[in-house]
Protein backbone atom coordinates (compact mmCIF):
# COMPACT_ATOMS: atom_id res chain seq x y z
CA MET A 1 -47.67 37.41 11.34
CA TRP A 2 -48.33 33.87 11.09
CA ASN A 3 -50.41 33.32 7.61
CA LYS A 4 -51.95 30.48 6.62
CA PRO A 5 -49.90 27.88 4.42
CA ASP A 6 -49.77 27.54 0.86
CA LYS A 7 -51.01 24.21 -0.26
CA ARG A 8 -48.96 25.12 -3.71
CA LYS A 9 -45.97 25.42 -2.25
CA SER A 10 -46.09 22.64 0.39
CA PRO A 11 -44.40 19.21 -0.15
CA LEU A 12 -46.92 18.01 2.63
CA ASP A 13 -50.71 16.31 1.55
CA ARG A 14 -52.48 18.45 4.20
CA ASN A 15 -55.05 15.68 4.15
CA SER A 16 -53.27 13.89 5.97
CA PRO A 17 -54.76 12.69 9.28
CA ASP A 18 -51.18 12.87 10.71
CA ASN A 19 -49.95 15.76 9.05
CA ARG A 20 -52.89 17.55 9.62
CA ASN A 21 -52.91 17.24 13.19
CA ARG A 22 -49.10 17.86 13.24
CA LEU A 23 -50.38 21.68 11.51
CA MET A 24 -53.14 22.22 14.00
CA PHE A 25 -50.71 21.45 16.85
CA ALA A 26 -47.85 23.90 15.29
CA ALA A 27 -50.15 26.50 14.87
CA LEU A 28 -51.41 26.33 18.43
CA SER A 29 -48.44 26.42 19.79
CA LEU A 30 -47.55 29.51 18.10
CA LEU A 31 -50.64 31.43 18.33
CA LEU A 32 -50.21 31.04 21.90
CA PHE A 33 -46.56 32.08 22.09
CA LEU A 34 -47.92 34.98 20.41
CA VAL A 35 -49.94 35.58 22.58
CA VAL A 36 -47.50 35.41 25.40
CA ILE A 37 -45.56 37.80 23.82
CA PHE A 38 -48.13 40.27 23.13
CA LEU A 39 -49.41 40.46 26.75
CA PHE A 40 -46.03 40.11 28.71
CA PHE A 41 -43.47 40.95 26.46
CA ASP A 42 -43.94 44.32 25.27
CA PHE A 43 -40.98 46.21 26.17
CA ALA A 44 -41.64 48.37 23.40
CA HIS A 45 -44.42 51.40 22.90
CA MET A 46 -47.81 49.92 23.27
CA ASP A 47 -49.44 51.04 19.33
CA GLY A 48 -50.23 47.58 18.60
CA TYR A 49 -53.70 48.43 20.53
CA LYS A 50 -55.91 49.41 17.29
CA GLU A 51 -58.70 51.15 17.05
CA ILE A 52 -57.75 53.70 19.89
CA THR A 53 -55.94 57.00 19.04
CA SER A 54 -52.14 57.10 19.82
CA VAL A 55 -49.72 60.03 20.01
CA PRO A 56 -48.53 60.72 16.62
CA ARG A 57 -44.68 59.73 16.34
CA THR A 58 -42.50 59.03 13.05
CA ASP A 59 -40.86 55.47 12.45
CA GLN A 60 -37.62 57.19 13.15
CA GLU A 61 -38.68 58.62 16.33
CA LYS A 62 -40.23 54.67 17.61
CA GLY A 63 -36.51 52.86 16.14
CA GLU A 64 -34.57 55.69 18.26
CA GLU A 65 -36.51 54.43 21.37
CA LEU A 66 -35.62 51.09 21.15
CA THR A 67 -31.54 51.20 19.38
CA SER A 68 -30.24 54.30 20.62
CA GLU A 69 -28.22 54.43 23.87
CA MET A 70 -30.23 56.84 25.40
CA GLY A 71 -33.51 55.03 24.79
CA GLY A 72 -32.23 51.14 24.67
CA PHE A 73 -33.24 49.24 27.91
CA LYS A 74 -30.25 48.84 30.20
CA GLU A 75 -30.36 45.56 32.16
CA PRO A 76 -28.94 45.91 35.43
CA ASP A 77 -25.63 43.71 36.76
CA PHE A 78 -26.36 41.99 39.92
CA SER A 79 -23.35 39.48 39.89
CA PHE A 80 -21.21 41.56 42.08
CA GLU A 81 -19.36 39.45 44.63
CA ASP A 82 -18.07 41.00 48.01
CA ASN A 83 -16.34 39.43 50.98
CA GLU A 84 -18.34 36.67 53.05
CA THR A 85 -18.78 38.87 56.52
CA VAL A 86 -21.74 36.59 58.14
CA THR A 87 -21.60 33.35 59.84
CA LEU A 88 -25.68 33.06 59.30
CA LYS A 89 -26.93 31.18 62.33
CA ASN A 90 -30.47 30.22 63.24
CA ARG A 91 -31.56 31.05 66.43
CA GLU A 92 -34.74 28.65 66.66
CA GLU A 93 -34.28 24.94 67.00
CA ALA A 94 -34.46 23.03 63.77
CA PRO A 95 -37.60 20.71 63.37
CA ARG A 96 -37.58 17.00 65.22
CA GLU A 97 -38.65 15.08 61.90
CA LYS A 98 -38.35 15.96 58.20
CA LYS A 99 -41.89 16.90 57.52
CA TYR A 100 -41.59 16.53 53.70
CA GLU A 101 -39.15 13.84 53.06
CA GLY A 102 -38.45 13.09 49.56
CA VAL A 103 -40.30 16.88 47.79
CA THR A 104 -38.53 18.22 45.44
CA LEU A 105 -39.57 22.34 44.90
CA THR A 106 -38.37 24.88 42.28
CA VAL A 107 -37.97 28.97 43.17
CA ALA A 108 -37.81 31.15 40.27
CA ALA A 109 -35.67 33.87 41.76
CA PRO A 110 -33.50 36.81 40.04
CA MET A 111 -30.28 35.77 39.67
CA ASP A 112 -26.41 36.31 41.30
CA ARG A 113 -26.65 37.56 44.75
CA MET A 114 -30.26 38.37 44.91
CA ALA A 115 -30.83 34.85 44.58
CA ASP A 116 -27.78 34.05 47.71
CA PHE A 117 -30.13 34.19 49.96
CA LEU A 118 -32.61 31.09 49.08
CA HIS A 119 -28.91 29.49 48.64
CA LYS A 120 -28.08 29.67 51.92
CA ASP A 121 -31.03 30.08 54.14
CA GLY A 122 -33.74 27.87 51.94
CA MET A 123 -31.52 25.36 51.51
CA GLU A 124 -30.89 24.99 55.10
CA TRP A 125 -34.48 24.82 55.20
CA ALA A 126 -34.45 21.96 52.50
CA ARG A 127 -31.72 20.29 54.46
CA GLN A 128 -33.68 20.41 57.54
CA ASN A 129 -36.92 18.88 56.08
CA GLY A 130 -35.69 16.38 54.04
CA VAL A 131 -36.73 18.40 50.80
CA HIS A 132 -34.74 18.69 46.84
CA LEU A 133 -34.40 22.63 46.55
CA ILE A 134 -33.90 23.63 43.31
CA VAL A 135 -33.13 27.39 42.91
CA GLU A 136 -33.76 28.51 39.51
CA GLU A 137 -32.00 31.93 38.67
CA ILE A 138 -33.41 34.08 35.91
CA PRO A 139 -31.77 37.22 34.54
CA PHE A 140 -34.15 40.67 36.34
CA SER A 141 -35.46 41.74 33.92
CA GLN A 142 -36.93 38.48 32.70
CA ILE A 143 -38.48 37.10 36.11
CA PHE A 144 -42.10 37.89 34.81
CA GLU A 145 -42.03 37.33 31.26
CA ASN A 146 -40.39 33.73 32.26
CA ALA A 147 -43.09 33.02 34.95
CA ALA A 148 -45.82 34.13 32.36
CA TYR A 149 -44.86 31.86 30.22
CA ASP A 150 -44.84 29.21 32.54
CA ILE A 151 -47.70 29.54 34.01
CA ILE A 152 -49.83 30.30 30.73
CA LYS A 153 -47.60 27.56 28.27
CA GLY A 154 -48.41 25.26 31.44
CA GLU A 155 -44.84 23.75 31.80
CA ASN A 156 -45.02 23.99 35.12
CA LYS A 157 -41.42 24.50 35.45
CA TYR A 158 -41.67 26.74 39.30
CA ASP A 159 -43.50 25.98 42.36
CA ILE A 160 -42.56 29.35 43.95
CA ILE A 161 -42.08 32.63 42.40
CA LEU A 162 -40.46 36.03 43.90
CA TYR A 163 -40.60 38.38 42.19
CA PRO A 164 -41.30 42.37 42.15
CA SER A 165 -44.80 43.71 43.71
CA TYR A 166 -45.79 45.65 40.57
CA LEU A 167 -46.18 42.44 38.67
CA MET A 168 -49.11 40.98 40.75
CA GLY A 169 -51.91 42.24 39.15
CA ASP A 170 -51.33 40.48 35.83
CA LEU A 171 -49.90 37.11 37.76
CA VAL A 172 -52.93 36.74 39.84
CA GLU A 173 -55.16 37.58 36.93
CA THR A 174 -53.80 34.24 35.19
CA GLY A 175 -55.86 32.51 37.60
CA LYS A 176 -52.93 30.24 38.65
CA LEU A 177 -51.41 31.84 42.03
CA VAL A 178 -52.36 29.90 45.01
CA PRO A 179 -54.53 32.01 48.18
CA PHE A 180 -52.89 31.26 51.43
CA ASP A 181 -55.83 32.09 52.47
CA SER A 182 -56.23 27.76 53.59
CA PHE A 183 -52.55 27.68 54.84
CA ILE A 184 -52.74 30.70 57.55
CA ASP A 185 -53.83 29.61 61.04
CA LEU A 186 -55.50 32.74 62.93
CA LYS A 187 -54.77 31.58 65.98
CA THR A 188 -50.99 31.82 65.08
CA VAL A 189 -50.68 33.83 62.81
CA ASN A 190 -48.57 36.68 64.96
CA GLY A 191 -46.50 34.09 66.44
CA SER A 192 -42.74 33.03 64.75
CA TYR A 193 -42.39 30.74 62.64
CA SER A 194 -41.56 27.41 64.93
CA GLU A 195 -44.94 28.70 66.60
CA ASN A 196 -46.44 28.07 62.84
CA GLY A 197 -46.97 32.11 62.39
CA LEU A 198 -45.83 34.07 60.25
CA GLU A 199 -45.26 37.33 62.43
CA TRP A 200 -48.87 39.37 60.86
CA ASP A 201 -48.50 42.02 62.90
CA SER A 202 -45.39 43.22 62.85
CA TYR A 203 -45.75 43.94 59.17
CA TYR A 204 -45.55 47.77 58.66
CA PRO A 205 -49.78 48.20 57.88
CA HIS A 206 -48.99 48.74 53.62
CA TYR A 207 -47.95 44.97 53.72
CA SER A 208 -50.38 43.30 56.45
CA GLN A 209 -53.28 44.98 54.63
CA ILE A 210 -52.14 46.23 50.74
CA TYR A 211 -49.18 44.72 49.32
CA ASN A 212 -50.16 40.54 50.57
CA TRP A 213 -53.65 41.14 49.09
CA TYR A 214 -55.76 41.39 46.17
CA GLY A 215 -59.15 41.34 46.39
CA ASP A 216 -60.14 39.15 49.43
CA HIS A 217 -57.05 37.01 48.93
CA ILE A 218 -53.55 36.62 50.05
CA TYR A 219 -51.65 35.83 47.46
CA ALA A 220 -47.83 36.63 48.74
CA LEU A 221 -45.95 37.33 51.45
CA ASN A 222 -43.39 39.89 51.28
CA VAL A 223 -39.54 39.39 52.45
CA ASP A 224 -38.27 42.68 51.04
CA GLY A 225 -39.16 46.20 52.45
CA ASP A 226 -38.15 48.55 49.54
CA VAL A 227 -39.00 51.76 49.82
CA PHE A 228 -37.06 55.06 48.93
CA ILE A 229 -35.04 57.07 50.32
CA THR A 230 -32.60 60.21 50.07
CA ALA A 231 -29.16 59.53 50.75
CA TYR A 232 -26.30 62.04 50.85
CA ARG A 233 -21.67 62.12 51.51
CA LYS A 234 -22.60 63.19 55.39
CA ASP A 235 -18.30 63.80 55.50
CA LEU A 236 -18.94 66.97 52.78
CA TRP A 237 -21.89 68.04 54.82
CA VAL A 238 -19.52 68.51 57.96
CA THR A 239 -16.40 69.90 55.89
CA TYR A 240 -18.35 72.12 53.78
CA GLY A 241 -21.35 73.12 56.27
CA LYS A 242 -20.37 76.75 56.95
CA GLU A 243 -19.35 77.37 53.38
CA PHE A 244 -23.18 76.20 52.50
CA GLU A 245 -24.76 78.05 55.10
CA GLN A 246 -23.27 81.08 53.98
CA SER A 247 -23.80 80.69 50.84
CA TYR A 248 -27.74 79.80 51.14
CA GLY A 249 -28.68 81.48 54.32
CA TYR A 250 -29.86 77.60 56.07
CA ALA A 251 -27.50 74.95 57.88
CA LEU A 252 -27.37 71.36 56.70
CA ARG A 253 -28.73 68.87 58.97
CA PRO A 254 -26.51 65.81 59.11
CA ASP A 255 -28.28 62.54 60.42
CA ASP A 256 -31.46 64.44 60.65
CA PRO A 257 -34.08 61.85 59.05
CA LEU A 258 -36.59 64.87 57.75
CA PHE A 259 -33.54 67.23 56.07
CA PRO A 260 -33.59 68.11 53.12
CA GLU A 261 -37.37 69.20 53.72
CA THR A 262 -38.17 70.07 50.33
CA TRP A 263 -37.29 70.00 46.73
CA GLU A 264 -36.02 73.31 46.35
CA GLU A 265 -33.17 72.54 49.45
CA TYR A 266 -32.32 68.94 48.02
CA TYR A 267 -31.71 71.09 44.52
CA ASP A 268 -29.83 73.70 46.48
CA ILE A 269 -27.40 71.17 48.26
CA ALA A 270 -27.07 69.92 44.91
CA GLU A 271 -26.12 72.86 43.09
CA PHE A 272 -23.33 73.59 45.93
CA PHE A 273 -21.54 70.43 45.64
CA ASN A 274 -21.98 70.13 41.68
CA LYS A 275 -19.39 72.95 41.76
CA LYS A 276 -16.91 70.92 43.96
CA GLY A 277 -15.81 68.70 41.33
CA LEU A 278 -18.63 65.80 42.05
CA SER A 279 -22.15 65.42 40.31
CA GLY A 280 -23.96 67.64 42.93
CA THR A 281 -26.81 64.65 42.24
CA ALA A 282 -27.87 61.64 40.22
CA GLU A 283 -30.67 59.31 39.43
CA VAL A 284 -31.74 56.55 37.00
CA ASN A 285 -32.63 57.65 34.19
CA ALA A 286 -31.87 54.88 31.62
CA ARG A 287 -34.45 52.49 30.53
CA SER A 288 -34.12 49.89 32.40
CA ARG A 289 -37.15 48.92 35.12
CA GLY A 290 -35.66 51.34 37.22
CA SER A 291 -36.24 54.52 35.95
CA ALA A 292 -39.93 55.08 36.64
CA TRP A 293 -39.52 55.16 40.26
CA HIS A 294 -37.86 58.50 39.89
CA PHE A 295 -40.77 60.14 38.49
CA LEU A 296 -43.08 58.43 40.56
CA VAL A 297 -41.54 59.65 43.81
CA ARG A 298 -41.72 63.03 42.77
CA TYR A 299 -45.29 62.46 41.56
CA VAL A 300 -46.76 61.85 44.49
CA SER A 301 -44.15 64.18 46.60
CA TYR A 302 -46.71 66.46 44.47
CA MET A 303 -49.65 65.20 44.81
CA LYS A 304 -52.64 65.59 47.31
CA LYS A 305 -55.71 63.05 47.00
CA ASP A 306 -57.66 60.91 49.58
CA GLY A 307 -56.63 57.63 49.47
CA MET A 308 -53.16 57.75 47.96
CA TYR A 309 -51.10 56.43 50.78
CA ASN A 310 -53.21 53.22 50.05
CA GLY A 311 -51.43 53.41 46.06
CA ASP A 312 -54.95 54.96 44.66
CA ALA A 313 -52.79 57.57 43.06
CA TYR A 314 -52.59 56.74 39.62
CA PHE A 315 -56.37 57.01 38.20
CA GLU A 316 -60.18 58.27 38.73
CA LEU A 317 -61.61 55.38 39.97
CA GLU A 318 -64.78 56.27 38.82
CA THR A 319 -63.77 56.53 34.76
CA MET A 320 -59.77 54.82 35.12
CA LYS A 321 -58.86 58.20 33.61
CA PRO A 322 -55.11 58.00 34.39
CA LEU A 323 -54.11 61.05 36.66
CA ILE A 324 -50.34 60.89 35.99
CA ASN A 325 -50.61 63.84 33.22
CA SER A 326 -52.39 66.03 36.13
CA GLU A 327 -50.45 68.84 37.11
CA ALA A 328 -48.83 67.28 40.05
CA GLY A 329 -46.75 64.79 36.80
CA VAL A 330 -46.11 67.71 34.73
CA ARG A 331 -44.37 69.29 37.70
CA ALA A 332 -42.10 65.99 38.50
CA MET A 333 -41.55 65.68 34.99
CA GLU A 334 -40.18 69.60 35.09
CA ASP A 335 -37.88 68.42 38.11
CA ILE A 336 -36.41 65.33 36.10
CA VAL A 337 -35.50 67.78 33.00
CA SER A 338 -34.45 70.67 35.37
CA SER A 339 -32.15 68.08 37.53
CA VAL A 340 -29.83 66.72 35.06
CA GLN A 341 -28.48 70.19 33.97
CA GLY A 342 -25.05 70.95 34.22
CA ASN A 343 -25.96 73.23 37.60
CA TYR A 344 -26.97 70.01 39.36
CA SER A 345 -25.64 66.92 37.90
CA SER A 346 -22.40 66.24 35.49
CA GLU A 347 -23.16 65.17 32.09
CA GLU A 348 -22.01 61.72 32.92
CA MET A 349 -24.96 60.87 35.02
CA ARG A 350 -27.56 61.72 32.54
CA ASN A 351 -28.35 57.98 31.35
CA LEU A 352 -27.24 55.80 34.30
CA ASN A 353 -29.45 52.32 34.99
CA TRP A 354 -29.17 50.70 38.62
CA THR A 355 -25.77 49.70 38.50
CA ASP A 356 -23.93 52.87 37.01
CA MET A 357 -25.61 54.84 39.92
CA GLN A 358 -24.16 52.31 42.69
CA ASN A 359 -20.97 51.86 41.03
CA ASN A 360 -20.76 55.95 40.21
CA TRP A 361 -21.77 56.55 44.38
CA GLY A 362 -19.30 53.69 45.70
CA ALA A 363 -16.63 55.37 43.26
CA GLY A 364 -17.66 58.73 45.47
CA LYS A 365 -18.60 60.76 42.20
CA ILE A 366 -21.63 61.62 43.67
CA ALA A 367 -22.81 63.92 46.59
CA LEU A 368 -26.82 63.55 46.86
CA LEU A 369 -29.17 61.22 45.52
CA PHE A 370 -32.55 59.80 46.40
CA THR A 371 -32.77 56.00 45.68
CA TRP A 372 -33.20 52.45 46.99
CA PRO A 373 -31.65 51.88 50.44
CA ALA A 374 -29.05 49.65 49.24
CA THR A 375 -26.25 52.53 48.76
CA TYR A 376 -25.79 52.14 52.50
CA ASP A 377 -24.43 48.58 51.28
CA ILE A 378 -22.98 50.37 48.18
CA ALA A 379 -20.78 52.86 50.84
CA ARG A 380 -19.66 49.98 52.94
CA ARG A 381 -18.24 47.78 50.44
CA ASP A 382 -14.71 46.66 49.87
CA VAL A 383 -14.23 48.45 46.44
CA SER A 384 -15.73 51.63 48.04
CA VAL A 385 -13.64 54.89 48.00
CA LEU A 386 -15.61 56.75 50.50
CA PRO A 387 -13.22 57.82 53.38
CA GLY A 388 -15.45 56.32 56.50
CA LYS A 389 -17.29 54.08 54.14
CA ALA A 390 -21.41 53.90 55.08
CA ALA A 391 -19.99 56.53 58.10
CA SER A 392 -19.62 58.78 55.45
CA THR A 393 -22.91 58.26 54.51
CA GLY A 394 -26.48 60.23 55.84
CA TYR A 395 -29.91 59.19 55.13
CA ALA A 396 -33.33 61.08 54.97
CA MET A 397 -36.91 61.09 53.94
CA ILE A 398 -38.11 62.09 50.26
CA PRO A 399 -38.10 65.50 50.70
CA GLY A 400 -41.21 67.27 50.49
CA SER A 401 -43.33 70.36 49.31
CA ARG A 402 -45.30 73.03 50.42
CA GLU A 403 -47.10 73.41 47.24
CA VAL A 404 -49.39 70.08 46.14
CA PHE A 405 -51.99 69.90 43.67
CA ASN A 406 -54.84 68.47 44.61
CA VAL A 407 -56.39 66.45 42.34
CA GLN A 408 -60.17 66.27 43.40
CA THR A 409 -60.41 70.02 43.54
CA ASN A 410 -57.81 70.54 40.41
CA SER A 411 -55.61 72.72 42.10
CA TRP A 412 -52.56 73.52 43.58
CA GLU A 413 -52.61 74.61 47.88
CA SER A 414 -50.08 76.26 49.21
CA GLY A 415 -49.38 76.06 53.17
CA GLU A 416 -46.52 75.92 56.08
CA GLU A 417 -46.88 72.09 56.68
CA ILE A 418 -44.80 69.94 54.16
CA HIS A 419 -46.52 67.07 52.89
CA ARG A 420 -44.31 64.15 52.83
CA ALA A 421 -44.67 60.87 50.39
CA THR A 422 -42.47 58.74 49.33
CA MET A 423 -43.00 55.56 46.93
CA LEU A 424 -42.55 52.01 48.36
CA GLY A 425 -41.03 51.17 44.90
CA HIS A 426 -40.26 47.66 43.72
CA GLY A 427 -40.13 45.33 47.36
CA TRP A 428 -39.90 41.69 46.50
CA GLN A 429 -42.33 38.85 47.31
CA PHE A 430 -43.08 35.33 47.29
CA SER A 431 -46.34 33.25 45.44
CA ILE A 432 -46.95 29.67 44.72
CA ILE A 433 -48.09 28.92 41.32
CA ASN A 434 -51.11 26.43 41.58
CA THR A 435 -49.72 23.61 39.79
CA CYS A 436 -46.86 23.06 42.84
CA GLN A 437 -47.82 19.31 44.10
CA ASN A 438 -46.18 19.87 47.48
CA GLN A 439 -48.27 23.68 47.90
CA GLU A 440 -48.22 22.58 52.17
CA ALA A 441 -44.68 22.43 51.50
CA ALA A 442 -43.64 25.06 49.19
CA TYR A 443 -46.03 27.78 51.42
CA ASP A 444 -43.27 26.16 54.83
CA LEU A 445 -40.94 27.50 53.14
CA VAL A 446 -41.94 30.42 51.75
CA ARG A 447 -43.36 31.07 55.95
CA PHE A 448 -39.57 30.42 56.81
CA MET A 449 -37.89 32.73 54.34
CA THR A 450 -40.20 35.72 55.57
CA THR A 451 -40.10 35.48 59.01
CA GLY A 452 -37.20 35.34 61.91
CA ASP A 453 -33.22 34.89 61.75
CA ARG A 454 -33.89 35.12 57.49
CA LEU A 455 -34.27 38.57 58.06
CA ILE A 456 -31.90 39.33 59.99
CA HIS A 457 -29.55 37.86 57.63
CA ASN A 458 -30.75 39.58 55.00
CA VAL A 459 -29.56 42.64 56.78
CA GLN A 460 -26.26 41.65 57.79
CA LYS A 461 -25.55 40.42 53.98
CA VAL A 462 -26.99 43.69 52.47
CA TYR A 463 -25.98 43.27 48.83
CA TRP A 464 -28.84 40.62 49.10
CA GLU A 465 -30.70 44.05 48.09
CA TYR A 466 -33.53 42.92 50.80
CA GLU A 467 -34.43 45.73 53.39
CA PRO A 468 -36.48 45.61 56.77
CA LEU A 469 -40.11 45.69 56.38
CA LYS A 470 -40.97 44.24 60.02
CA THR A 471 -41.74 46.85 63.21
CA TRP A 472 -39.30 44.26 65.22
CA GLU A 473 -36.10 44.61 62.94
CA TRP A 474 -36.42 48.38 64.60
CA GLN A 475 -35.63 46.90 67.88
CA ASP A 476 -33.73 44.07 67.39
CA GLU A 477 -29.89 44.34 68.54
CA THR A 478 -28.25 42.82 65.69
CA ILE A 479 -29.84 44.56 63.14
CA LEU A 480 -29.10 48.08 65.37
CA ALA A 481 -25.32 47.30 65.30
CA GLU A 482 -25.44 46.41 61.86
CA TYR A 483 -26.57 49.76 61.04
CA SER A 484 -25.22 51.62 64.03
CA ASP A 485 -22.25 53.15 61.43
CA ALA A 486 -24.89 55.08 59.86
CA PRO A 487 -27.33 56.50 62.48
CA SER A 488 -29.98 57.94 60.29
CA PHE A 489 -30.61 55.07 58.08
CA LEU A 490 -33.40 53.12 60.05
CA PRO A 491 -35.19 56.03 60.91
CA ALA A 492 -35.10 57.36 57.47
CA LEU A 493 -36.74 53.89 56.46
CA ASP A 494 -39.26 53.86 59.10
CA LEU A 495 -40.44 57.23 57.88
CA GLY A 496 -40.39 55.94 54.33
CA HIS A 497 -42.60 53.01 55.53
CA ARG A 498 -45.39 54.97 56.71
CA TYR A 499 -45.49 57.60 54.46
CA GLY A 500 -45.42 55.35 51.24
CA VAL A 501 -46.83 54.69 48.37
CA PRO A 502 -47.56 51.39 47.22
CA ASP A 503 -46.71 50.81 43.85
CA LEU A 504 -49.25 49.95 40.89
CA ARG A 505 -50.25 46.28 41.07
CA ILE A 506 -53.02 45.99 38.27
CA PRO A 507 -52.36 44.06 34.94
CA GLY A 508 -50.56 46.01 32.69
CA ALA A 509 -48.83 47.93 35.59
CA ILE A 510 -45.16 46.67 33.71
CA GLN A 511 -46.37 48.23 30.56
CA MET A 512 -47.30 51.25 32.16
CA TYR A 513 -43.95 51.76 34.10
CA ASP A 514 -42.24 51.15 30.72
CA ALA A 515 -44.36 53.95 29.05
CA ILE A 516 -42.99 56.30 31.58
CA GLU A 517 -39.53 55.37 31.15
CA ILE A 518 -39.55 55.82 27.61
CA TYR A 519 -41.06 59.04 27.67
CA LYS A 520 -39.16 60.22 30.54
CA ARG A 521 -36.51 59.83 27.71
CA GLN A 522 -38.11 62.01 25.49
CA ALA A 523 -38.33 64.67 27.98
CA ILE A 524 -35.02 64.52 29.59
CA GLU A 525 -33.33 64.53 25.44
CA GLY A 526 -35.68 67.62 24.43
CA LYS A 527 -37.73 65.79 22.28
CA MET A 528 -41.06 66.49 23.91
CA THR A 529 -41.34 68.89 26.74
CA PRO A 530 -42.66 67.95 30.09
CA ARG A 531 -46.12 67.92 29.19
CA GLU A 532 -46.09 66.21 25.82
CA ALA A 533 -44.36 63.56 27.81
CA VAL A 534 -46.97 63.07 30.28
CA ASN A 535 -49.65 63.27 28.05
CA ALA A 536 -48.13 60.85 26.14
CA ILE A 537 -47.65 58.67 29.56
CA ALA A 538 -51.58 58.84 30.36
CA ALA A 539 -52.23 58.16 26.46
CA ASP A 540 -50.44 54.65 26.68
CA TRP A 541 -51.78 53.50 29.95
CA GLU A 542 -55.50 54.47 28.45
CA LYS A 543 -54.62 51.99 25.41
CA ILE A 544 -53.60 49.37 28.43
CA VAL A 545 -56.94 49.71 30.23
CA LYS A 546 -59.33 49.88 27.22
CA GLN A 547 -57.08 46.75 25.49
CA ARG A 548 -57.80 44.98 28.40
CA GLY A 549 -61.46 46.04 29.77
CA VAL A 550 -62.15 49.08 31.85
CA GLY A 551 -64.17 47.36 33.94
CA LYS A 552 -62.12 44.89 34.84
CA MET A 553 -59.16 47.00 35.40
CA GLN A 554 -61.53 49.07 37.39
CA LYS A 555 -62.14 46.05 39.40
CA SER A 556 -58.54 45.02 39.50
CA TYR A 557 -57.56 48.96 40.95
CA LEU A 558 -60.01 48.84 43.29
CA ASP A 559 -59.02 45.17 44.82
CA THR A 560 -55.31 46.52 44.93
CA VAL A 561 -55.86 49.52 46.65
CA THR A 562 -58.37 48.81 49.72
CA PRO A 563 -57.42 47.97 52.99
CA ARG A 564 -57.66 44.16 54.28
CA ASP A 565 -57.58 43.07 57.78
CA ILE A 566 -57.02 39.98 57.89
CA TYR A 567 -59.25 38.94 60.85
CA GLU A 568 -62.34 40.55 58.95
CA VAL A 569 -61.61 39.05 55.64
CA LEU A 570 -61.03 35.48 56.96
CA GLY A 571 -62.55 35.37 60.05
CA LYS A 572 -61.97 35.52 64.07
CA PRO A 573 -60.04 32.52 65.10
CA ASP A 574 -61.55 30.12 67.33
CA ALA A 575 -61.36 30.59 70.91
């Protein structure tokens, strides 16, 4: 904490106007820095909120969360290099004039291969338009902190930011993001980039009606269709199919995007292959800004609630009381604790981050998992040991449940129909900061990167880790050919988009997700029961809501879960 200077120990004359000004500037700068750290750099447990009852824990427990190998933050590695396999080609004609000649734009983007498409397609746009484009690569875990610090401090370093959707609430609430409304031409909104369009109606509804919006304004355009799906070793299913059927009484169904249908079947398969010398299953359990979604996927699989598929899955809207510790949350945490036991997974798989899981999948050590779609690319890389590369893999929608917890009746319901849901977790999107001096050029670049051939290039070079998100991509011949060796991949993604639950996108979401990761570790390590863990998550969420203001957070939550129709909000285009 910064303390007021002690005049008796200072060699400075504080009555001097110059020194008073310097001290005032230093104090204000330090105070601003501390505010930014408090609001945006909070990876730790939220014990800083005063006058709110917190879950009691010893100092030793708090220290273990931050320093132990099991609880410490693990930074994913996105520096993987693979052979160039694609020559990028644009089928659209280059502009006849360099409309933005002499303009300079700086984009903040995740580092290494996730920024690669900006170095390729983005630089091609810059060349065609006479723009000096700077791509500033930032470590994955620091995207939010760097962007927020730049915005609040007013350094004006970035013009455009590429960031995960769950950070949108905090960024919009700074008041520094540019609404795209005035740039959008509703007459051409459904056209291609060269037709001055956004291919708007080609977005899956979650993007065109939910993700791009915050309240009644469009603040972002998505470039990535991240959705959690199931991945499995198809070659092993073929080899051991008869033995599995004899053991469990039903057949494996390779290339069926709806199988396994239930979590019970999922764990049967994991148990079977765990006995074959592999890890039956694995997931991200390390605190790494990747673990929370493995809880949330199960959570929505067991939840029934009106508006859930719009993203209204996290709070009671009337009270902003968290739902995360409902019986659906307890069941989800129980599943997590069970899944790391020896009959389903090997010991070495208990504390993986995203990079660890990629490496183990490519090394052929995992039989079944559910995660982001990049498992397809991992299987086909040169370093993959899977015998048929991507052809050795199969994909399906996340399993469901015949028993769901209805949060509105506060009771479990059973039936023959299987409830299916998944998470649209961590998709990437572009926004423009309002200090950008060339907003029209910035919008044009964002439009370019989120339409047409650029999306095809993202598919062809999958290690950029950006997945399809527009419906036309499911019919494009180049994309269909790209995934022809894994015929269940695109159907699984399609189902995920249709039954996906959007991320939490209100202010403080980053801290709320971090709370999931912290207490999930506590449950896995046996330091908390599953119920204690979800209650601790809910307690942290309540503190965050109260600290930021219940009314304000309630409005933000409503703004992010209410579907918007672009023509109703922005007006009908002129005839």
